């Protein structure tokens, strides 16, 4: 077991990789009563075409298999409901699927050993039949229909779909009604056997926990199980162009105010993704944030009532920044945003102010076991390793590098989605 400091946060990180490849990361925080445990596989909605562990050719699955699989892993051969089992042990359980990973989790204040063993056991004992797969299609179909009736979800999905041409990140995480109808038991087992191997999974534990005792629980559990030798997973890559698929689209929906998303598709080039993401977050925060000149002007003109919101997703080649807002006069807002994005310079004073703000945010989140857990998981998925000293990374940011990035990337490739009242 290795011990490292999460510098500046008065936290220790205990790490170990088991013989079967399972990675364990634990951050004890004894000032709280509860424990938060996540068990993740590096498998999400974008991994739709790959070479299975037992084959030598590419295998393409229907959209939504990762999310469907998340649902079906809860199906147990003996009929036990994992949610009920966790509840009986005083824990809350859940699961989620993203573009890049699937996570099973629980939190509680008692019976860590029982709950941790149960989490490992139910995730590592799949039980798929033709009958229970067919039954689940109806349940997931209802879930998808609810999302289809949500204008905010439609805005998010459309903005990504219209921005990408080839990469599977453009498709909904849950798939479509048509795609889930094609999912079979064989699809689920193929994906499970390939991506749910311990070597492709990791456990993150934060909260009131003893690292040595907890790692022993996991070791003892895994020692009782037999896993096939791991084969490196080959996933299909896509030559995604810089251009967006659909520059502009209007959609009719039952909304009180038009909802708009303006998405910038930015080529990552050869920049380090971690640094590039932080620089762009700083840039967009300074020019679009609640205290920016642009936001204050838009509010004074009554063009927006709420702040502009923005978020990003990334692939191996691009980062997509989507700016969302509501406005009756959305044309004026769009024009104002496009005048500042890519045309605004940042001063040393502004950069330093934002660096201090980022440090404050890191300190604030370091007091929350859920935020710590999420940070570790995102580091593993996005960067392949945990950042031990976030302050050193933030301190190393400089105006020269920021200007170099802004000079070399392009904001020309953009897509606009407008949802208007019918």
Protein backbone atom coordinates (compact mmCIF):
# COMPACT_ATOMS: atom_id res chain seq x y z
CA UNK A 1 0.00 0.00 0.00
CA UNK A 2 1.39 3.40 -1.04
CA UNK A 3 0.74 6.56 0.93
CA UNK A 4 0.81 10.03 -0.67
CA UNK A 5 -0.21 13.48 0.49
CA UNK A 6 -2.96 15.43 -1.21
CA UNK A 7 -0.92 18.55 -0.76
CA UNK A 8 -2.51 21.62 0.94
CA UNK A 9 -5.64 19.69 1.93
CA UNK A 10 -4.38 17.85 5.03
CA UNK A 11 -5.47 14.59 3.41
CA UNK A 12 -3.66 11.33 2.73
CA UNK A 13 -4.17 9.09 -0.29
CA UNK A 14 -3.64 5.35 0.19
CA UNK A 15 -3.34 3.36 -3.04
CA UNK A 16 -2.83 -0.24 -4.01
CA UNK A 17 -3.30 -2.32 -7.16
CA UNK A 18 -4.25 -5.94 -6.56
CA UNK A 19 -2.81 -8.92 -8.43
CA UNK A 20 -5.97 -9.09 -10.58
CA UNK A 21 -5.42 -5.46 -11.65
CA UNK A 22 -8.09 -3.81 -9.49
CA UNK A 23 -6.98 -0.31 -8.47
CA UNK A 24 -7.91 0.93 -4.99
CA UNK A 25 -7.68 4.55 -3.79
CA UNK A 26 -8.68 5.56 -0.27
CA UNK A 27 -8.77 9.01 1.34
CA UNK A 28 -9.62 8.78 5.06
CA UNK A 29 -11.47 11.72 6.62
CA UNK A 30 -12.20 10.99 10.23
CA UNK A 31 -13.98 14.28 10.91
CA UNK A 32 -17.12 12.80 9.32
CA UNK A 33 -19.22 9.81 10.31
CA UNK A 34 -20.02 8.37 6.89
CA UNK A 35 -18.16 6.53 4.15
CA UNK A 36 -18.64 6.94 0.39
CA UNK A 37 -17.62 4.05 -1.88
CA UNK A 38 -17.59 4.02 -5.68
CA UNK A 39 -16.77 1.00 -7.86
CA UNK A 40 -16.19 2.01 -11.47
CA UNK A 41 -15.37 0.51 -14.82
CA UNK A 42 -13.69 2.47 -17.60
CA UNK A 43 -16.64 1.79 -19.86
CA UNK A 44 -19.18 4.32 -21.02
CA UNK A 45 -21.50 5.17 -23.87
CA UNK A 46 -18.71 6.09 -26.31
CA UNK A 47 -17.24 2.57 -26.28
CA UNK A 48 -19.63 1.24 -28.89
CA UNK A 49 -17.17 -0.59 -31.15
CA UNK A 50 -14.27 -2.65 -29.81
CA UNK A 51 -12.49 -6.00 -30.01
CA UNK A 52 -14.03 -8.23 -27.31
CA UNK A 53 -11.77 -10.01 -24.86
CA UNK A 54 -12.46 -13.39 -26.51
CA UNK A 55 -12.33 -12.30 -30.19
CA UNK A 56 -10.00 -10.79 -32.75
CA UNK A 57 -12.41 -8.63 -34.76
CA UNK A 58 -14.29 -5.44 -34.01
CA UNK A 59 -17.75 -5.81 -32.49
CA UNK A 60 -20.31 -2.99 -32.69
CA UNK A 61 -23.12 -2.80 -30.15
CA UNK A 62 -26.34 -0.76 -30.25
CA UNK A 63 -26.36 2.69 -28.68
CA UNK A 64 -27.14 2.66 -24.98
CA UNK A 65 -25.62 -0.71 -24.06
CA UNK A 66 -23.42 0.71 -21.27
CA UNK A 67 -26.44 2.31 -19.59
CA UNK A 68 -28.56 -0.80 -20.19
CA UNK A 69 -25.82 -2.91 -18.64
CA UNK A 70 -25.74 -0.65 -15.58
CA UNK A 71 -29.43 -1.46 -15.03
CA UNK A 72 -29.02 -5.20 -15.56
CA UNK A 73 -26.02 -5.62 -13.26
CA UNK A 74 -28.49 -5.05 -10.41
CA UNK A 75 -30.37 -8.19 -11.53
CA UNK A 76 -29.34 -11.05 -9.23
CA UNK A 77 -29.88 -14.75 -9.90
CA UNK A 78 -31.40 -15.38 -6.45
CA UNK A 79 -33.88 -12.53 -6.95
CA UNK A 80 -32.33 -10.30 -4.29
CA UNK A 81 -32.74 -6.56 -4.84
CA UNK A 82 -29.38 -4.84 -4.12
CA UNK A 83 -31.12 -1.60 -3.19
CA UNK A 84 -33.10 -3.43 -0.50
CA UNK A 85 -29.99 -5.24 0.71
CA UNK A 86 -28.02 -2.02 1.10
CA UNK A 87 -30.94 -0.32 2.82
CA UNK A 88 -31.15 -3.18 5.33
CA UNK A 89 -27.49 -2.48 6.15
CA UNK A 90 -28.12 1.25 6.64
CA UNK A 91 -26.68 2.36 3.30
CA UNK A 92 -27.94 4.26 0.27
CA UNK A 93 -26.98 2.78 -3.11
CA UNK A 94 -27.07 4.04 -6.66
CA UNK A 95 -25.33 3.82 -10.03
CA UNK A 96 -24.68 6.06 -13.03
CA UNK A 97 -23.34 5.87 -16.56
CA UNK A 98 -21.45 8.63 -18.36
CA UNK A 99 -19.76 8.86 -21.75
CA UNK A 100 -16.57 7.41 -20.26
CA UNK A 101 -17.37 5.24 -17.23
CA UNK A 102 -20.01 3.34 -15.29
CA UNK A 103 -20.09 3.61 -11.49
CA UNK A 104 -21.83 1.63 -8.74
CA UNK A 105 -21.85 3.24 -5.31
CA UNK A 106 -23.10 3.35 -1.76
CA UNK A 107 -22.79 5.60 1.28
CA UNK A 108 -23.49 4.88 4.91
CA UNK A 109 -22.32 5.15 8.49
CA UNK A 110 -22.29 1.49 9.57
CA UNK A 111 -21.50 -2.02 8.34
CA UNK A 112 -18.76 -1.02 5.88
CA UNK A 113 -17.46 -4.59 5.61
CA UNK A 114 -20.88 -6.05 4.78
CA UNK A 115 -21.75 -3.31 2.29
CA UNK A 116 -18.34 -3.32 0.59
CA UNK A 117 -18.43 -7.10 0.15
CA UNK A 118 -21.96 -6.88 -1.19
CA UNK A 119 -21.03 -4.15 -3.67
CA UNK A 120 -18.16 -6.23 -5.03
CA UNK A 121 -20.24 -9.40 -5.13
CA UNK A 122 -23.31 -8.10 -6.93
CA UNK A 123 -21.31 -6.14 -9.53
CA UNK A 124 -19.11 -9.17 -10.19
CA UNK A 125 -21.96 -11.69 -10.57
CA UNK A 126 -23.89 -10.82 -13.75
CA UNK A 127 -27.11 -12.64 -14.52
CA UNK A 128 -28.67 -11.89 -17.90
CA UNK A 129 -31.47 -13.86 -19.53
CA UNK A 130 -33.54 -13.25 -22.63
CA UNK A 131 -36.56 -12.66 -20.41
CA UNK A 132 -35.03 -10.16 -18.00
CA UNK A 133 -33.40 -8.26 -20.87
CA UNK A 134 -36.75 -7.90 -22.64
CA UNK A 135 -38.38 -6.76 -19.41
CA UNK A 136 -35.75 -4.08 -18.89
CA UNK A 137 -36.35 -2.61 -22.36
CA UNK A 138 -39.76 -1.40 -21.27
CA UNK A 139 -38.36 0.20 -18.10
CA UNK A 140 -35.56 2.00 -19.94
CA UNK A 141 -37.95 3.06 -22.72
CA UNK A 142 -40.04 4.90 -20.11
CA UNK A 143 -36.90 6.55 -18.78
CA UNK A 144 -35.92 7.70 -22.28
CA UNK A 145 -39.42 9.05 -22.98
CA UNK A 146 -39.23 11.18 -19.84
CA UNK A 147 -35.95 12.66 -21.06
CA UNK A 148 -37.43 13.27 -24.50
CA UNK A 149 -40.11 15.41 -22.81
CA UNK A 150 -37.50 17.50 -21.00
CA UNK A 151 -36.46 20.58 -23.05
CA UNK A 152 -33.24 21.04 -21.05
CA UNK A 153 -32.15 17.49 -21.81
CA UNK A 154 -33.10 17.92 -25.46
CA UNK A 155 -31.01 21.09 -25.64
CA UNK A 156 -28.00 19.28 -24.17
CA UNK A 157 -28.35 16.22 -26.41
CA UNK A 158 -28.91 18.24 -29.57
CA UNK A 159 -25.98 20.56 -28.94
CA UNK A 160 -23.61 17.57 -28.78
CA UNK A 161 -25.26 15.67 -31.63
CA UNK A 162 -25.04 18.69 -33.95
CA UNK A 163 -21.41 19.40 -33.03
CA UNK A 164 -19.87 16.02 -33.84
CA UNK A 165 -19.74 14.18 -37.15
CA UNK A 166 -18.22 10.75 -36.45
CA UNK A 167 -17.38 10.37 -32.77
CA UNK A 168 -19.95 8.35 -30.76
CA UNK A 169 -19.99 10.99 -28.03
CA UNK A 170 -22.70 12.63 -30.15
CA UNK A 171 -25.21 9.90 -29.26
CA UNK A 172 -27.40 9.88 -26.12
CA UNK A 173 -25.89 7.96 -23.20
CA UNK A 174 -29.10 5.97 -22.79
CA UNK A 175 -29.45 5.28 -26.52
CA UNK A 176 -32.72 5.65 -28.40
CA UNK A 177 -35.98 3.72 -28.33
CA UNK A 178 -34.91 2.02 -31.55
CA UNK A 179 -31.38 1.15 -30.41
CA UNK A 180 -32.34 -0.34 -27.04
CA UNK A 181 -34.91 -2.57 -28.75
CA UNK A 182 -31.99 -4.30 -30.51
CA UNK A 183 -29.95 -5.06 -27.36
CA UNK A 184 -29.55 -8.75 -26.60
CA UNK A 185 -28.33 -10.87 -23.72
CA UNK A 186 -25.27 -11.70 -25.82
CA UNK A 187 -24.46 -8.00 -26.24
CA UNK A 188 -24.55 -7.52 -22.48
CA UNK A 189 -22.30 -10.48 -21.72
CA UNK A 190 -19.82 -9.46 -24.43
CA UNK A 191 -19.54 -5.92 -23.02
CA UNK A 192 -19.48 -7.12 -19.43
CA UNK A 193 -16.76 -9.73 -19.97
CA UNK A 194 -14.62 -7.23 -21.87
CA UNK A 195 -14.94 -4.09 -19.73
CA UNK A 196 -15.85 -5.36 -16.25
CA UNK A 197 -12.57 -7.16 -15.69
CA UNK A 198 -10.87 -5.96 -12.43
CA UNK A 199 -7.93 -4.72 -14.49
CA UNK A 200 -10.26 -2.20 -16.14
CA UNK A 201 -11.95 -1.16 -12.88
CA UNK A 202 -11.15 0.90 -9.79
CA UNK A 203 -12.53 1.48 -6.31
CA UNK A 204 -12.49 4.89 -4.61
CA UNK A 205 -13.33 5.22 -0.91
CA UNK A 206 -13.57 8.48 1.03
CA UNK A 207 -14.70 9.16 4.58
CA UNK A 208 -14.34 7.66 8.05
CA UNK A 209 -12.41 4.55 7.16
CA UNK A 210 -9.27 2.61 8.13
CA UNK A 211 -7.24 2.10 4.90
CA UNK A 212 -5.42 -1.07 5.98
CA UNK A 213 -8.54 -2.86 7.21
CA UNK A 214 -10.53 -1.75 4.16
CA UNK A 215 -7.93 -2.92 1.64
CA UNK A 216 -7.81 -6.27 3.45
CA UNK A 217 -11.60 -6.61 3.05
CA UNK A 218 -11.24 -6.05 -0.69
CA UNK A 219 -8.25 -8.38 -1.01
CA UNK A 220 -10.04 -11.18 0.84
CA UNK A 221 -13.10 -10.73 -1.35
CA UNK A 222 -11.17 -10.80 -4.62
CA UNK A 223 -9.02 -13.75 -3.55
CA UNK A 224 -12.14 -15.94 -3.51
CA UNK A 225 -12.91 -15.19 -7.16
CA UNK A 226 -11.34 -16.36 -10.39
CA UNK A 227 -10.91 -14.04 -13.37
CA UNK A 228 -9.73 -14.76 -16.88
CA UNK A 229 -6.36 -13.26 -17.87
CA UNK A 230 -6.82 -9.66 -18.95
CA UNK A 231 -6.29 -8.69 -22.59
CA UNK A 232 -5.73 -5.03 -23.44
CA UNK A 233 -8.95 -3.62 -24.88
CA UNK A 234 -8.82 -2.23 -28.41
CA UNK A 235 -11.48 0.44 -28.97
CA UNK A 236 -12.23 1.92 -32.36
CA UNK A 237 -10.91 5.45 -32.93
CA UNK A 238 -12.52 8.09 -35.11
CA UNK A 239 -10.99 10.72 -37.36
CA UNK A 240 -13.30 13.48 -36.17
CA UNK A 241 -13.16 16.67 -38.28
CA UNK A 242 -12.95 20.13 -36.72
CA UNK A 243 -16.13 21.27 -38.47
CA UNK A 244 -19.50 20.81 -36.79
CA UNK A 245 -22.22 18.69 -38.37
CA UNK A 246 -25.10 21.19 -38.09
CA UNK A 247 -24.25 24.88 -37.57
CA UNK A 248 -27.81 25.97 -36.70
CA UNK A 249 -31.08 24.30 -35.77
CA UNK A 250 -34.40 25.43 -34.32
CA UNK A 251 -36.66 23.00 -32.45
CA UNK A 252 -40.30 23.48 -31.45
CA UNK A 253 -41.13 22.66 -27.85
CA UNK A 254 -43.48 23.72 -25.08
CA UNK A 255 -41.29 26.33 -23.35
CA UNK A 256 -42.07 29.72 -21.81
CA UNK A 257 -38.78 31.27 -22.97
CA UNK A 258 -36.55 30.23 -25.85
CA UNK A 259 -33.66 28.04 -24.67
CA UNK A 260 -30.38 28.40 -26.54
CA UNK A 261 -27.08 26.54 -26.62
CA UNK A 262 -24.01 27.91 -28.41
CA UNK A 263 -21.29 25.25 -28.67
CA UNK A 264 -17.66 25.86 -29.63
CA UNK A 265 -15.81 22.83 -30.98
CA UNK A 266 -12.12 23.35 -30.23
CA UNK A 267 -9.27 21.20 -31.52
CA UNK A 268 -7.09 20.16 -28.55
CA UNK A 269 -3.98 20.06 -30.76
CA UNK A 270 -0.94 18.91 -28.75
CA UNK A 271 -1.74 20.69 -25.51
CA UNK A 272 -1.82 18.76 -22.23
CA UNK A 273 -5.51 18.13 -21.65
CA UNK A 274 -5.37 18.92 -17.94
CA UNK A 275 -3.73 22.30 -18.43
CA UNK A 276 -5.78 23.14 -21.52
CA UNK A 277 -9.03 22.43 -19.70
CA UNK A 278 -8.05 24.67 -16.76
CA UNK A 279 -6.95 27.51 -19.05
CA UNK A 280 -10.18 27.39 -21.02
CA UNK A 281 -12.23 27.21 -17.83
CA UNK A 282 -10.46 30.35 -16.65
CA UNK A 283 -11.01 32.07 -19.98
CA UNK A 284 -14.73 31.29 -20.22
CA UNK A 285 -15.24 32.12 -16.55
CA UNK A 286 -13.66 35.56 -16.98
CA UNK A 287 -15.55 36.52 -20.14
CA UNK A 288 -18.91 34.84 -19.41
CA UNK A 289 -19.12 34.45 -15.62
CA UNK A 290 -21.68 36.20 -13.43
CA UNK A 291 -19.32 39.12 -12.70
CA UNK A 292 -18.06 39.52 -16.28
CA UNK A 293 -18.68 42.73 -18.22
CA UNK A 294 -20.72 40.78 -20.78
CA UNK A 295 -23.07 39.25 -18.21
CA UNK A 296 -23.58 42.59 -16.44
CA UNK A 297 -24.39 44.31 -19.75
CA UNK A 298 -26.86 41.61 -20.76
CA UNK A 299 -28.64 41.87 -17.40
CA UNK A 300 -28.78 45.68 -17.59
CA UNK A 301 -30.44 45.39 -21.01
CA UNK A 302 -32.87 42.78 -19.62
CA UNK A 303 -31.70 40.35 -22.28
CA UNK A 304 -31.11 37.57 -19.72
CA UNK A 305 -32.64 36.99 -16.30
CA UNK A 306 -30.31 34.19 -15.17
CA UNK A 307 -26.54 33.95 -15.58
CA UNK A 308 -25.02 32.39 -18.66
CA UNK A 309 -24.08 28.79 -17.93
CA UNK A 310 -21.35 26.83 -19.64
CA UNK A 311 -19.98 23.31 -19.54
CA UNK A 312 -17.51 21.20 -21.45
CA UNK A 313 -16.91 17.65 -22.63
CA UNK A 314 -13.81 16.33 -24.35
CA UNK A 315 -12.74 13.57 -26.70
CA UNK A 316 -9.30 12.44 -27.78
CA UNK A 317 -9.14 15.33 -30.26
CA UNK A 318 -11.61 18.05 -29.25
CA UNK A 319 -13.10 19.99 -26.35
CA UNK A 320 -16.68 21.17 -26.75
CA UNK A 321 -17.73 24.21 -24.70
CA UNK A 322 -21.48 24.79 -24.64
CA UNK A 323 -22.93 28.11 -23.43
CA UNK A 324 -26.60 27.96 -22.45
CA UNK A 325 -29.13 30.69 -21.69
CA UNK A 326 -32.80 31.67 -21.94
CA UNK A 327 -33.93 34.85 -23.67
CA UNK A 328 -36.71 36.26 -25.81
CA UNK A 329 -34.08 38.26 -27.68
CA UNK A 330 -31.67 35.40 -28.10
CA UNK A 331 -30.28 36.78 -31.39
CA UNK A 332 -28.86 39.78 -29.52
CA UNK A 333 -27.40 37.56 -26.80
CA UNK A 334 -25.80 35.25 -29.37
CA UNK A 335 -24.30 38.24 -31.16
CA UNK A 336 -22.90 39.63 -27.90
CA UNK A 337 -21.34 36.31 -26.87
CA UNK A 338 -19.69 35.76 -30.24
CA UNK A 339 -18.19 39.26 -30.10
CA UNK A 340 -16.23 38.42 -26.95
CA UNK A 341 -15.33 34.72 -27.40
CA UNK A 342 -11.98 34.59 -29.15
CA UNK A 343 -11.75 38.40 -29.21
CA UNK A 344 -11.09 39.18 -25.54
CA UNK A 345 -7.66 39.41 -23.98
CA UNK A 346 -6.98 38.44 -20.38
CA UNK A 347 -4.73 40.48 -18.11
CA UNK A 348 -2.20 39.18 -15.60
CA UNK A 349 -4.33 40.60 -12.80
CA UNK A 350 -7.44 38.77 -14.02
CA UNK A 351 -5.55 35.49 -14.38
CA UNK A 352 -4.12 35.74 -10.87
CA UNK A 353 -7.53 36.59 -9.43
CA UNK A 354 -9.05 33.53 -11.07
CA UNK A 355 -6.18 31.31 -9.88
CA UNK A 356 -6.93 32.38 -6.30
CA UNK A 357 -10.60 31.63 -6.88
CA UNK A 358 -9.77 28.15 -8.20
CA UNK A 359 -7.65 27.46 -5.13
CA UNK A 360 -10.51 28.51 -2.86
CA UNK A 361 -12.81 26.15 -4.74
CA UNK A 362 -10.34 23.29 -4.29
CA UNK A 363 -10.16 23.94 -0.55
CA UNK A 364 -13.92 24.10 -0.25
CA UNK A 365 -14.43 20.81 -2.10
CA UNK A 366 -11.70 19.08 -0.07
CA UNK A 367 -13.97 19.18 2.97
CA UNK A 368 -16.64 17.06 1.27
CA UNK A 369 -16.14 13.29 0.91
CA UNK A 370 -18.38 13.16 -2.18
CA UNK A 371 -16.43 15.93 -3.94
CA UNK A 372 -13.11 14.31 -3.05
CA UNK A 373 -14.32 10.99 -4.43
CA UNK A 374 -15.56 12.62 -7.63
CA UNK A 375 -12.27 14.49 -8.07
CA UNK A 376 -10.22 11.30 -7.78
CA UNK A 377 -12.48 9.43 -10.22
CA UNK A 378 -12.41 12.25 -12.77
CA UNK A 379 -8.61 12.42 -12.54
CA UNK A 380 -8.35 8.70 -13.28
CA UNK A 381 -10.76 8.81 -16.22
CA UNK A 382 -9.64 12.11 -17.77
CA UNK A 383 -5.91 12.11 -17.07
CA UNK A 384 -5.02 8.52 -16.18
CA UNK A 385 -3.58 9.50 -12.78
CA UNK A 386 -4.50 11.39 -9.62
CA UNK A 387 -3.20 14.95 -9.27
CA UNK A 388 -1.56 15.10 -5.85
CA UNK A 389 -0.80 18.83 -5.83
CA UNK A 390 -3.55 20.88 -7.46
CA UNK A 391 -2.11 24.13 -6.14
CA UNK A 392 1.22 23.51 -7.89
CA UNK A 393 -0.67 22.96 -11.12
CA UNK A 394 -2.68 26.16 -10.66
CA UNK A 395 0.43 28.16 -9.64
CA UNK A 396 2.22 27.05 -12.81
CA UNK A 397 -0.42 28.65 -15.01
CA UNK A 398 0.89 31.77 -16.71
CA UNK A 399 -0.29 34.46 -19.09
CA UNK A 400 2.25 33.57 -21.79
CA UNK A 401 0.94 30.00 -22.05
CA UNK A 402 -2.68 31.17 -21.96
CA UNK A 403 -2.05 33.62 -24.80
CA UNK A 404 -0.25 30.93 -26.79
CA UNK A 405 -3.32 28.70 -26.47
CA UNK A 406 -5.71 31.49 -27.43
CA UNK A 407 -3.51 32.37 -30.44
CA UNK A 408 -3.40 28.80 -31.72
CA UNK A 409 -6.86 27.36 -31.11
CA UNK A 410 -9.87 28.32 -33.21
CA UNK A 411 -13.35 29.39 -32.12
CA UNK A 412 -14.64 29.32 -35.70
CA UNK A 413 -16.36 25.94 -35.49
CA UNK A 414 -19.61 26.39 -33.62
CA UNK A 415 -23.14 25.06 -33.50
CA UNK A 416 -26.30 26.80 -32.29
CA UNK A 417 -29.46 25.08 -31.08
CA UNK A 418 -32.62 27.08 -30.31
CA UNK A 419 -35.66 25.57 -28.62
CA UNK A 420 -38.71 27.78 -29.18
CA UNK A 421 -42.35 27.60 -28.19
CA UNK A 422 -44.57 25.73 -30.61
